[in-house]
Each structure stands twice: as structure tokens, then as C-alpha cells.
Amino acid sequence: MNNYEALFEDENDIVSGSPMSKYWGVVSKTQTDNLHQEFDDIVERIAIMESIIEENHEIQDFDKAIKNYALANRDKIDELKKSVYMELTGKLIFRATD
């Protein structure tokens, strides 16, 4: 995952909005087939990550482990979310040009 933190020192400077708002702006202009494929890719990625986590945690503790990690690492997660939104926005734009 790329780190796009430098782009968002001032979130309104380069992209005139947050990474989340730019993502949803691109989504609203993207063809349905591309959205469906990208969403399927996201679901697959989540399934893989869940499988990896399940190797280290009991399934009953899965949600608890995620919540505890998020609470303990809030700043890191917030920055990573920005990078993920930018990555997904780029993927949608790239799919639209295929």
C-alpha cells in the first residue's frame, strides 16, 4: 500500500476535498460494470485479510480483535484509510480508461 500522506498535509490543497469525497466523486461517474468488478476485488481482499487474521485469532474473537486494534491504532488507521481511498480512486479511474 502506498503512503499518500504528503498529498494531504492540507486536505483541501491538492485534491480540493478529502480522499473519501474524491473517491465517491469518482464512483458517481463510473460505469456500473467497473464498480461491480472493483467492489468484488475489495470483497476478495477483505476475505483474504479475514482469513489471515483467523489464523491468529479465534473466530468468536474476530470482531473484538479488529475493534481493539482499531482503538489502539486510531491515528495509523486514519492515515491508512486515506491511502486506501486514494488507491481505490486510482483503480476506478484506471478501469474507466481500459
PDB file of N, CA and C in Angstrom:
ATOM      1  N   MET A   1       0.848  -1.163   0.000  1.00  0.00           N
ATOM      2  CA  MET A   1       0.000   0.000   0.000  1.00  0.00           C
ATOM      3  C   MET A   1       0.896   1.230   0.000  1.00  0.00           C
ATOM      4  N   ASN A   2       0.622   2.154  -0.886  1.00  0.00           N
ATOM      5  CA  ASN A   2       1.402   3.382  -0.967  1.00  0.00           C
ATOM      6  C   ASN A   2       0.991   4.352   0.126  1.00  0.00           C
ATOM      7  N   ASN A   3       1.927   5.206   0.521  1.00  0.00           N
ATOM      8  CA  ASN A   3       1.633   6.214   1.535  1.00  0.00           C
ATOM      9  C   ASN A   3       1.434   7.544   0.833  1.00  0.00           C
ATOM     10  N   TYR A   4       0.231   8.058   0.865  1.00  0.00           N
ATOM     11  CA  TYR A   4      -0.111   9.307   0.202  1.00  0.00           C
ATOM     12  C   TYR A   4      -0.226  10.456   1.199  1.00  0.00           C
ATOM     13  N   GLU A   5       0.385  10.301   2.368  1.00  0.00           N
ATOM     14  CA  GLU A   5       0.246  11.282   3.432  1.00  0.00           C
ATOM     15  C   GLU A   5       0.666  12.676   2.982  1.00  0.00           C
ATOM     16  N   ALA A   6       1.711  12.795   2.187  1.00  0.00           N
ATOM     17  CA  ALA A   6       2.195  14.109   1.758  1.00  0.00           C
ATOM     18  C   ALA A   6       1.146  14.873   0.956  1.00  0.00           C
ATOM     19  N   LEU A   7       0.289  14.172   0.264  1.00  0.00           N
ATOM     20  CA  LEU A   7      -0.755  14.828  -0.518  1.00  0.00           C
ATOM     21  C   LEU A   7      -1.810  15.486   0.355  1.00  0.00           C
ATOM     22  N   PHE A   8      -1.884  15.079   1.622  1.00  0.00           N
ATOM     23  CA  PHE A   8      -2.987  15.514   2.458  1.00  0.00           C
ATOM     24  C   PHE A   8      -2.538  16.299   3.683  1.00  0.00           C
ATOM     25  N   GLU A   9      -1.377  16.940   3.587  1.00  0.00           N
ATOM     26  CA  GLU A   9      -0.987  17.812   4.679  1.00  0.00           C
ATOM     27  C   GLU A   9      -2.050  18.888   4.857  1.00  0.00           C
ATOM     28  N   ASP A  10      -2.588  19.368   3.743  1.00  0.00           N
ATOM     29  CA  ASP A  10      -3.755  20.239   3.738  1.00  0.00           C
ATOM     30  C   ASP A  10      -4.738  19.574   2.798  1.00  0.00           C
ATOM     31  N   GLU A  11      -5.729  18.883   3.337  1.00  0.00           N
ATOM     32  CA  GLU A  11      -6.623  18.064   2.519  1.00  0.00           C
ATOM     33  C   GLU A  11      -7.313  18.846   1.412  1.00  0.00           C
ATOM     34  N   ASN A  12      -7.479  20.129   1.562  1.00  0.00           N
ATOM     35  CA  ASN A  12      -8.162  20.909   0.539  1.00  0.00           C
ATOM     36  C   ASN A  12      -7.208  21.492  -0.493  1.00  0.00           C
ATOM     37  N   ASP A  13      -5.923  21.318  -0.320  1.00  0.00           N
ATOM     38  CA  ASP A  13      -4.947  21.949  -1.185  1.00  0.00           C
ATOM     39  C   ASP A  13      -4.871  21.301  -2.568  1.00  0.00           C
ATOM     40  N   ILE A  14      -4.452  20.057  -2.663  1.00  0.00           N
ATOM     41  CA  ILE A  14      -4.205  19.420  -3.949  1.00  0.00           C
ATOM     42  C   ILE A  14      -5.472  18.819  -4.552  1.00  0.00           C
ATOM     43  N   VAL A  15      -6.228  18.106  -3.782  1.00  0.00           N
ATOM     44  CA  VAL A  15      -7.377  17.392  -4.337  1.00  0.00           C
ATOM     45  C   VAL A  15      -8.704  18.071  -4.034  1.00  0.00           C
ATOM     46  N   SER A  16      -8.657  19.235  -3.456  1.00  0.00           N
ATOM     47  CA  SER A  16      -9.845  20.010  -3.072  1.00  0.00           C
ATOM     48  C   SER A  16     -10.945  19.130  -2.490  1.00  0.00           C
ATOM     49  N   GLY A  17     -10.590  18.445  -1.434  1.00  0.00           N
ATOM     50  CA  GLY A  17     -11.509  17.586  -0.708  1.00  0.00           C
ATOM     51  C   GLY A  17     -10.754  16.444  -0.076  1.00  0.00           C
ATOM     52  N   SER A  18     -11.449  15.707   0.742  1.00  0.00           N
ATOM     53  CA  SER A  18     -10.817  14.571   1.410  1.00  0.00           C
ATOM     54  C   SER A  18     -10.696  13.404   0.435  1.00  0.00           C
ATOM     55  N   PRO A  19      -9.824  12.442   0.739  1.00  0.00           N
ATOM     56  CA  PRO A  19      -9.724  11.248  -0.105  1.00  0.00           C
ATOM     57  C   PRO A  19     -11.078  10.544  -0.234  1.00  0.00           C
ATOM     58  N   MET A  20     -11.862  10.542   0.845  1.00  0.00           N
ATOM     59  CA  MET A  20     -13.174   9.888   0.786  1.00  0.00           C
ATOM     60  C   MET A  20     -14.092  10.618  -0.187  1.00  0.00           C
ATOM     61  N   SER A  21     -14.126  11.938  -0.132  1.00  0.00           N
ATOM     62  CA  SER A  21     -15.016  12.674  -1.027  1.00  0.00           C
ATOM     63  C   SER A  21     -14.583  12.528  -2.480  1.00  0.00           C
ATOM     64  N   LYS A  22     -13.287  12.475  -2.746  1.00  0.00           N
ATOM     65  CA  LYS A  22     -12.811  12.283  -4.118  1.00  0.00           C
ATOM     66  C   LYS A  22     -13.191  10.893  -4.614  1.00  0.00           C
ATOM     67  N   TYR A  23     -13.062   9.889  -3.754  1.00  0.00           N
ATOM     68  CA  TYR A  23     -13.442   8.524  -4.137  1.00  0.00           C
ATOM     69  C   TYR A  23     -14.907   8.487  -4.547  1.00  0.00           C
ATOM     70  N   TRP A  24     -15.780   9.029  -3.703  1.00  0.00           N
ATOM     71  CA  TRP A  24     -17.210   8.973  -4.005  1.00  0.00           C
ATOM     72  C   TRP A  24     -17.563   9.836  -5.210  1.00  0.00           C
ATOM     73  N   GLY A  25     -16.792  10.880  -5.460  1.00  0.00           N
ATOM     74  CA  GLY A  25     -16.991  11.664  -6.676  1.00  0.00           C
ATOM     75  C   GLY A  25     -16.697  10.846  -7.918  1.00  0.00           C
ATOM     76  N   VAL A  26     -15.624  10.054  -7.861  1.00  0.00           N
ATOM     77  CA  VAL A  26     -15.272   9.185  -8.987  1.00  0.00           C
ATOM     78  C   VAL A  26     -16.300   8.066  -9.129  1.00  0.00           C
ATOM     79  N   VAL A  27     -16.742   7.499  -8.010  1.00  0.00           N
ATOM     80  CA  VAL A  27     -17.738   6.422  -8.047  1.00  0.00           C
ATOM     81  C   VAL A  27     -18.998   6.877  -8.777  1.00  0.00           C
ATOM     82  N   SER A  28     -19.424   8.111  -8.519  1.00  0.00           N
ATOM     83  CA  SER A  28     -20.668   8.589  -9.126  1.00  0.00           C
ATOM     84  C   SER A  28     -20.564   8.734 -10.641  1.00  0.00           C
ATOM     85  N   LYS A  29     -19.334   8.727 -11.176  1.00  0.00           N
ATOM     86  CA  LYS A  29     -19.144   8.883 -12.611  1.00  0.00           C
ATOM     87  C   LYS A  29     -18.637   7.609 -13.284  1.00  0.00           C
ATOM     88  N   THR A  30     -18.573   6.523 -12.529  1.00  0.00           N
ATOM     89  CA  THR A  30     -18.007   5.273 -13.031  1.00  0.00           C
ATOM     90  C   THR A  30     -19.106   4.327 -13.511  1.00  0.00           C
ATOM     91  N   GLN A  31     -18.821   3.600 -14.594  1.00  0.00           N
ATOM     92  CA  GLN A  31     -19.778   2.646 -15.145  1.00  0.00           C
ATOM     93  C   GLN A  31     -20.045   1.516 -14.149  1.00  0.00           C
ATOM     94  N   THR A  32     -21.276   1.040 -14.166  1.00  0.00           N
ATOM     95  CA  THR A  32     -21.714   0.016 -13.222  1.00  0.00           C
ATOM     96  C   THR A  32     -20.853  -1.242 -13.283  1.00  0.00           C
ATOM     97  N   ASP A  33     -20.510  -1.722 -14.476  1.00  0.00           N
ATOM     98  CA  ASP A  33     -19.695  -2.939 -14.588  1.00  0.00           C
ATOM     99  C   ASP A  33     -18.344  -2.758 -13.894  1.00  0.00           C
ATOM    100  N   ASN A  34     -17.734  -1.602 -14.069  1.00  0.00           N
ATOM    101  CA  ASN A  34     -16.454  -1.341 -13.413  1.00  0.00           C
ATOM    102  C   ASN A  34     -16.611  -1.282 -11.903  1.00  0.00           C
ATOM    103  N   LEU A  35     -17.711  -0.681 -11.439  1.00  0.00           N
ATOM    104  CA  LEU A  35     -17.959  -0.623  -9.993  1.00  0.00           C
ATOM    105  C   LEU A  35     -18.151  -2.010  -9.411  1.00  0.00           C
ATOM    106  N   HIS A  36     -18.907  -2.840 -10.111  1.00  0.00           N
ATOM    107  CA  HIS A  36     -19.155  -4.201  -9.625  1.00  0.00           C
ATOM    108  C   HIS A  36     -17.845  -4.981  -9.533  1.00  0.00           C
ATOM    109  N   GLN A  37     -16.987  -4.864 -10.542  1.00  0.00           N
ATOM    110  CA  GLN A  37     -15.720  -5.586 -10.523  1.00  0.00           C
ATOM    111  C   GLN A  37     -14.812  -5.065  -9.414  1.00  0.00           C
ATOM    112  N   GLU A  38     -14.761  -3.757  -9.252  1.00  0.00           N
ATOM    113  CA  GLU A  38     -13.913  -3.182  -8.203  1.00  0.00           C
ATOM    114  C   GLU A  38     -14.425  -3.574  -6.817  1.00  0.00           C
ATOM    115  N   PHE A  39     -15.743  -3.559  -6.637  1.00  0.00           N
ATOM    116  CA  PHE A  39     -16.312  -3.965  -5.352  1.00  0.00           C
ATOM    117  C   PHE A  39     -15.991  -5.428  -5.084  1.00  0.00           C
ATOM    118  N   ASP A  40     -16.083  -6.275  -6.102  1.00  0.00           N
ATOM    119  CA  ASP A  40     -15.749  -7.689  -5.937  1.00  0.00           C
ATOM    120  C   ASP A  40     -14.280  -7.844  -5.542  1.00  0.00           C
ATOM    121  N   ASP A  41     -13.411  -7.037  -6.124  1.00  0.00           N
ATOM    122  CA  ASP A  41     -11.991  -7.071  -5.755  1.00  0.00           C
ATOM    123  C   ASP A  41     -11.802  -6.686  -4.285  1.00  0.00           C
ATOM    124  N   ILE A  42     -12.566  -5.679  -3.827  1.00  0.00           N
ATOM    125  CA  ILE A  42     -12.476  -5.247  -2.424  1.00  0.00           C
ATOM    126  C   ILE A  42     -12.962  -6.360  -1.501  1.00  0.00           C
ATOM    127  N   VAL A  43     -14.076  -6.990  -1.850  1.00  0.00           N
ATOM    128  CA  VAL A  43     -14.610  -8.077  -1.030  1.00  0.00           C
ATOM    129  C   VAL A  43     -13.611  -9.234  -0.972  1.00  0.00           C
ATOM    130  N   GLU A  44     -12.985  -9.549  -2.093  1.00  0.00           N
ATOM    131  CA  GLU A  44     -11.981 -10.616  -2.095  1.00  0.00           C
ATOM    132  C   GLU A  44     -10.808 -10.255  -1.185  1.00  0.00           C
ATOM    133  N   ARG A  45     -10.366  -9.010  -1.257  1.00  0.00           N
ATOM    134  CA  ARG A  45      -9.259  -8.562  -0.415  1.00  0.00           C
ATOM    135  C   ARG A  45      -9.630  -8.665   1.066  1.00  0.00           C
ATOM    136  N   ILE A  46     -10.847  -8.279   1.414  1.00  0.00           N
ATOM    137  CA  ILE A  46     -11.310  -8.377   2.796  1.00  0.00           C
ATOM    138  C   ILE A  46     -11.353  -9.846   3.228  1.00  0.00           C
ATOM    139  N   ALA A  47     -11.848 -10.717   2.362  1.00  0.00           N
ATOM    140  CA  ALA A  47     -11.924 -12.147   2.684  1.00  0.00           C
ATOM    141  C   ALA A  47     -10.530 -12.721   2.943  1.00  0.00           C
ATOM    142  N   ILE A  48      -9.569 -12.312   2.144  1.00  0.00           N
ATOM    143  CA  ILE A  48      -8.194 -12.783   2.337  1.00  0.00           C
ATOM    144  C   ILE A  48      -7.646 -12.282   3.670  1.00  0.00           C
ATOM    145  N   MET A  49      -7.875 -10.999   3.964  1.00  0.00           N
ATOM    146  CA  MET A  49      -7.392 -10.443   5.237  1.00  0.00           C
ATOM    147  C   MET A  49      -8.056 -11.127   6.422  1.00  0.00           C
ATOM    148  N   GLU A  50      -9.358 -11.399   6.311  1.00  0.00           N
ATOM    149  CA  GLU A  50     -10.051 -12.102   7.390  1.00  0.00           C
ATOM    150  C   GLU A  50      -9.476 -13.492   7.584  1.00  0.00           C
ATOM    151  N   SER A  51      -9.162 -14.154   6.500  1.00  0.00           N
ATOM    152  CA  SER A  51      -8.576 -15.487   6.590  1.00  0.00           C
ATOM    153  C   SER A  51      -7.225 -15.444   7.300  1.00  0.00           C
ATOM    154  N   ILE A  52      -6.424 -14.435   6.978  1.00  0.00           N
ATOM    155  CA  ILE A  52      -5.124 -14.272   7.635  1.00  0.00           C
ATOM    156  C   ILE A  52      -5.307 -14.013   9.127  1.00  0.00           C
ATOM    157  N   ILE A  53      -6.253 -13.142   9.475  1.00  0.00           N
ATOM    158  CA  ILE A  53      -6.497 -12.829  10.884  1.00  0.00           C
ATOM    159  C   ILE A  53      -7.002 -14.059  11.627  1.00  0.00           C
ATOM    160  N   GLU A  54      -7.866 -14.837  10.992  1.00  0.00           N
ATOM    161  CA  GLU A  54      -8.414 -16.038  11.636  1.00  0.00           C
ATOM    162  C   GLU A  54      -7.334 -17.054  11.970  1.00  0.00           C
ATOM    163  N   GLU A  55      -6.208 -16.999  11.263  1.00  0.00           N
ATOM    164  CA  GLU A  55      -5.112 -17.907  11.575  1.00  0.00           C
ATOM    165  C   GLU A  55      -4.511 -17.604  12.947  1.00  0.00           C
ATOM    166  N   ASN A  56      -4.684 -16.349  13.409  1.00  0.00           N
ATOM    167  CA  ASN A  56      -4.095 -15.937  14.685  1.00  0.00           C
ATOM    168  C   ASN A  56      -5.117 -15.676  15.781  1.00  0.00           C
ATOM    169  N   HIS A  57      -6.389 -15.662  15.448  1.00  0.00           N
ATOM    170  CA  HIS A  57      -7.439 -15.358  16.423  1.00  0.00           C
ATOM    171  C   HIS A  57      -8.599 -16.323  16.230  1.00  0.00           C
ATOM    172  N   GLU A  58      -9.265 -16.636  17.325  1.00  0.00           N
ATOM    173  CA  GLU A  58     -10.463 -17.456  17.252  1.00  0.00           C
ATOM    174  C   GLU A  58     -11.561 -16.681  16.529  1.00  0.00           C
ATOM    175  N   ILE A  59     -12.389 -17.363  15.773  1.00  0.00           N
ATOM    176  CA  ILE A  59     -13.448 -16.709  15.006  1.00  0.00           C
ATOM    177  C   ILE A  59     -14.398 -15.930  15.904  1.00  0.00           C
ATOM    178  N   GLN A  60     -14.645 -16.423  17.130  1.00  0.00           N
ATOM    179  CA  GLN A  60     -15.529 -15.709  18.045  1.00  0.00           C
ATOM    180  C   GLN A  60     -14.922 -14.380  18.483  1.00  0.00           C
ATOM    181  N   ASP A  61     -13.610 -14.273  18.481  1.00  0.00           N
ATOM    182  CA  ASP A  61     -12.923 -13.062  18.914  1.00  0.00           C
ATOM    183  C   ASP A  61     -12.571 -12.138  17.749  1.00  0.00           C
ATOM    184  N   PHE A  62     -12.999 -12.502  16.560  1.00  0.00           N
ATOM    185  CA  PHE A  62     -12.616 -11.777  15.356  1.00  0.00           C
ATOM    186  C   PHE A  62     -12.989 -10.292  15.424  1.00  0.00           C
ATOM    187  N   ASP A  63     -14.270  -9.996  15.653  1.00  0.00           N
ATOM    188  CA  ASP A  63     -14.708  -8.601  15.717  1.00  0.00           C
ATOM    189  C   ASP A  63     -14.052  -7.857  16.871  1.00  0.00           C
ATOM    190  N   LYS A  64     -13.896  -8.539  17.988  1.00  0.00           N
ATOM    191  CA  LYS A  64     -13.248  -7.928  19.151  1.00  0.00           C
ATOM    192  C   LYS A  64     -11.794  -7.578  18.830  1.00  0.00           C
ATOM    193  N   ALA A  65     -11.088  -8.474  18.154  1.00  0.00           N
ATOM    194  CA  ALA A  65      -9.693  -8.224  17.794  1.00  0.00           C
ATOM    195  C   ALA A  65      -9.586  -7.026  16.856  1.00  0.00           C
ATOM    196  N   ILE A  66     -10.500  -6.918  15.914  1.00  0.00           N
ATOM    197  CA  ILE A  66     -10.488  -5.790  14.976  1.00  0.00           C
ATOM    198  C   ILE A  66     -10.766  -4.485  15.714  1.00  0.00           C
ATOM    199  N   LYS A  67     -11.777  -4.469  16.559  1.00  0.00           N
ATOM    200  CA  LYS A  67     -12.116  -3.250  17.311  1.00  0.00           C
ATOM    201  C   LYS A  67     -10.990  -2.831  18.238  1.00  0.00           C
ATOM    202  N   ASN A  68     -10.394  -3.788  18.927  1.00  0.00           N
ATOM    203  CA  ASN A  68      -9.287  -3.474  19.829  1.00  0.00           C
ATOM    204  C   ASN A  68      -8.098  -2.894  19.068  1.00  0.00           C
ATOM    205  N   TYR A  69      -7.800  -3.489  17.930  1.00  0.00           N
ATOM    206  CA  TYR A  69      -6.686  -2.981  17.118  1.00  0.00           C
ATOM    207  C   TYR A  69      -6.981  -1.569  16.633  1.00  0.00           C
ATOM    208  N   ALA A  70      -8.205  -1.331  16.169  1.00  0.00           N
ATOM    209  CA  ALA A  70      -8.587  -0.007  15.676  1.00  0.00           C
ATOM    210  C   ALA A  70      -8.488   1.037  16.784  1.00  0.00           C
ATOM    211  N   LEU A  71      -8.935   0.693  17.975  1.00  0.00           N
ATOM    212  CA  LEU A  71      -8.856   1.627  19.102  1.00  0.00           C
ATOM    213  C   LEU A  71      -7.409   1.938  19.481  1.00  0.00           C
ATOM    214  N   ALA A  72      -6.586   0.927  19.455  1.00  0.00           N
ATOM    215  CA  ALA A  72      -5.191   1.094  19.854  1.00  0.00           C
ATOM    216  C   ALA A  72      -4.355   1.793  18.789  1.00  0.00           C
ATOM    217  N   ASN A  73      -4.829   1.814  17.564  1.00  0.00           N
ATOM    218  CA  ASN A  73      -4.042   2.347  16.444  1.00  0.00           C
ATOM    219  C   ASN A  73      -4.830   3.350  15.614  1.00  0.00           C
ATOM    220  N   ARG A  74      -5.658   4.164  16.242  1.00  0.00           N
ATOM    221  CA  ARG A  74      -6.577   5.075  15.547  1.00  0.00           C
ATOM    222  C   ARG A  74      -5.886   5.975  14.539  1.00  0.00           C
ATOM    223  N   ASP A  75      -4.779   6.633  14.928  1.00  0.00           N
ATOM    224  CA  ASP A  75      -4.089   7.549  14.016  1.00  0.00           C
ATOM    225  C   ASP A  75      -3.546   6.815  12.795  1.00  0.00           C
ATOM    226  N   LYS A  76      -2.953   5.664  13.039  1.00  0.00           N
ATOM    227  CA  LYS A  76      -2.408   4.861  11.938  1.00  0.00           C
ATOM    228  C   LYS A  76      -3.526   4.441  10.987  1.00  0.00           C
ATOM    229  N   ILE A  77      -4.645   4.006  11.526  1.00  0.00           N
ATOM    230  CA  ILE A  77      -5.778   3.571  10.708  1.00  0.00           C
ATOM    231  C   ILE A  77      -6.342   4.734   9.898  1.00  0.00           C
ATOM    232  N   ASP A  78      -6.478   5.903  10.510  1.00  0.00           N
ATOM    233  CA  ASP A  78      -6.997   7.070   9.796  1.00  0.00           C
ATOM    234  C   ASP A  78      -6.111   7.438   8.613  1.00  0.00           C
ATOM    235  N   GLU A  79      -4.800   7.404   8.802  1.00  0.00           N
ATOM    236  CA  GLU A  79      -3.883   7.707   7.694  1.00  0.00           C
ATOM    237  C   GLU A  79      -3.931   6.626   6.626  1.00  0.00           C
ATOM    238  N   LEU A  80      -4.009   5.377   7.052  1.00  0.00           N
ATOM    239  CA  LEU A  80      -4.077   4.275   6.099  1.00  0.00           C
ATOM    240  C   LEU A  80      -5.367   4.340   5.284  1.00  0.00           C
ATOM    241  N   LYS A  81      -6.466   4.736   5.920  1.00  0.00           N
ATOM    242  CA  LYS A  81      -7.730   4.876   5.193  1.00  0.00           C
ATOM    243  C   LYS A  81      -7.592   5.887   4.060  1.00  0.00           C
ATOM    244  N   LYS A  82      -6.893   6.989   4.306  1.00  0.00           N
ATOM    245  CA  LYS A  82      -6.673   7.975   3.245  1.00  0.00           C
ATOM    246  C   LYS A  82      -5.940   7.343   2.066  1.00  0.00           C
ATOM    247  N   SER A  83      -4.897   6.573   2.365  1.00  0.00           N
ATOM    248  CA  SER A  83      -4.137   5.912   1.312  1.00  0.00           C
ATOM    249  C   SER A  83      -4.986   4.901   0.553  1.00  0.00           C
ATOM    250  N   VAL A  84      -5.819   4.163   1.293  1.00  0.00           N
ATOM    251  CA  VAL A  84      -6.685   3.168   0.658  1.00  0.00           C
ATOM    252  C   VAL A  84      -7.690   3.853  -0.270  1.00  0.00           C
ATOM    253  N   TYR A  85      -8.304   4.941   0.209  1.00  0.00           N
ATOM    254  CA  TYR A  85      -9.245   5.681  -0.638  1.00  0.00           C
ATOM    255  C   TYR A  85      -8.557   6.165  -1.915  1.00  0.00           C
ATOM    256  N   MET A  86      -7.334   6.671  -1.800  1.00  0.00           N
ATOM    257  CA  MET A  86      -6.612   7.149  -2.984  1.00  0.00           C
ATOM    258  C   MET A  86      -6.293   5.993  -3.924  1.00  0.00           C
ATOM    259  N   GLU A  87      -5.890   4.869  -3.365  1.00  0.00           N
ATOM    260  CA  GLU A  87      -5.587   3.698  -4.189  1.00  0.00           C
ATOM    261  C   GLU A  87      -6.834   3.231  -4.931  1.00  0.00           C
ATOM    262  N   LEU A  88      -7.957   3.150  -4.217  1.00  0.00           N
ATOM    263  CA  LEU A  88      -9.200   2.703  -4.845  1.00  0.00           C
ATOM    264  C   LEU A  88      -9.688   3.702  -5.893  1.00  0.00           C
ATOM    265  N   THR A  89      -9.522   4.988  -5.630  1.00  0.00           N
ATOM    266  CA  THR A  89      -9.907   6.004  -6.605  1.00  0.00           C
ATOM    267  C   THR A  89      -9.078   5.829  -7.873  1.00  0.00           C
ATOM    268  N   GLY A  90      -7.785   5.624  -7.715  1.00  0.00           N
ATOM    269  CA  GLY A  90      -6.919   5.390  -8.870  1.00  0.00           C
ATOM    270  C   GLY A  90      -7.321   4.158  -9.648  1.00  0.00           C
ATOM    271  N   LYS A  91      -7.682   3.094  -8.954  1.00  0.00           N
ATOM    272  CA  LYS A  91      -8.119   1.875  -9.638  1.00  0.00           C
ATOM    273  C   LYS A  91      -9.383   2.113 -10.445  1.00  0.00           C
ATOM    274  N   LEU A  92     -10.337   2.868  -9.867  1.00  0.00           N
ATOM    275  CA  LEU A  92     -11.573   3.156 -10.599  1.00  0.00           C
ATOM    276  C   LEU A  92     -11.280   3.994 -11.839  1.00  0.00           C
ATOM    277  N   ILE A  93     -10.424   4.981 -11.704  1.00  0.00           N
ATOM    278  CA  ILE A  93     -10.065   5.820 -12.847  1.00  0.00           C
ATOM    279  C   ILE A  93      -9.383   4.980 -13.913  1.00  0.00           C
ATOM    280  N   PHE A  94      -8.473   4.104 -13.489  1.00  0.00           N
ATOM    281  CA  PHE A  94      -7.758   3.241 -14.445  1.00  0.00           C
ATOM    282  C   PHE A  94      -8.732   2.308 -15.150  1.00  0.00           C
ATOM    283  N   ARG A  95      -9.679   1.724 -14.427  1.00  0.00           N
ATOM    284  CA  ARG A  95     -10.675   0.835 -15.048  1.00  0.00           C
ATOM    285  C   ARG A  95     -11.496   1.585 -16.092  1.00  0.00           C
ATOM    286  N   ALA A  96     -11.801   2.841 -15.812  1.00  0.00           N
ATOM    287  CA  ALA A  96     -12.613   3.634 -16.737  1.00  0.00           C
ATOM    288  C   ALA A  96     -11.886   3.891 -18.045  1.00  0.00           C
ATOM    289  N   THR A  97     -10.551   3.861 -18.025  1.00  0.00           N
ATOM    290  CA  THR A  97      -9.780   4.133 -19.242  1.00  0.00           C
ATOM    291  C   THR A  97      -9.449   2.865 -20.004  1.00  0.00           C
ATOM    292  N   ASP A  98      -9.736   1.707 -19.422  1.00  0.00           N
ATOM    293  CA  ASP A  98      -9.470   0.423 -20.109  1.00  0.00           C
ATOM    294  C   ASP A  98     -10.394   0.235 -21.285  1.00  0.00           C
TER     295      ASP A  98
END
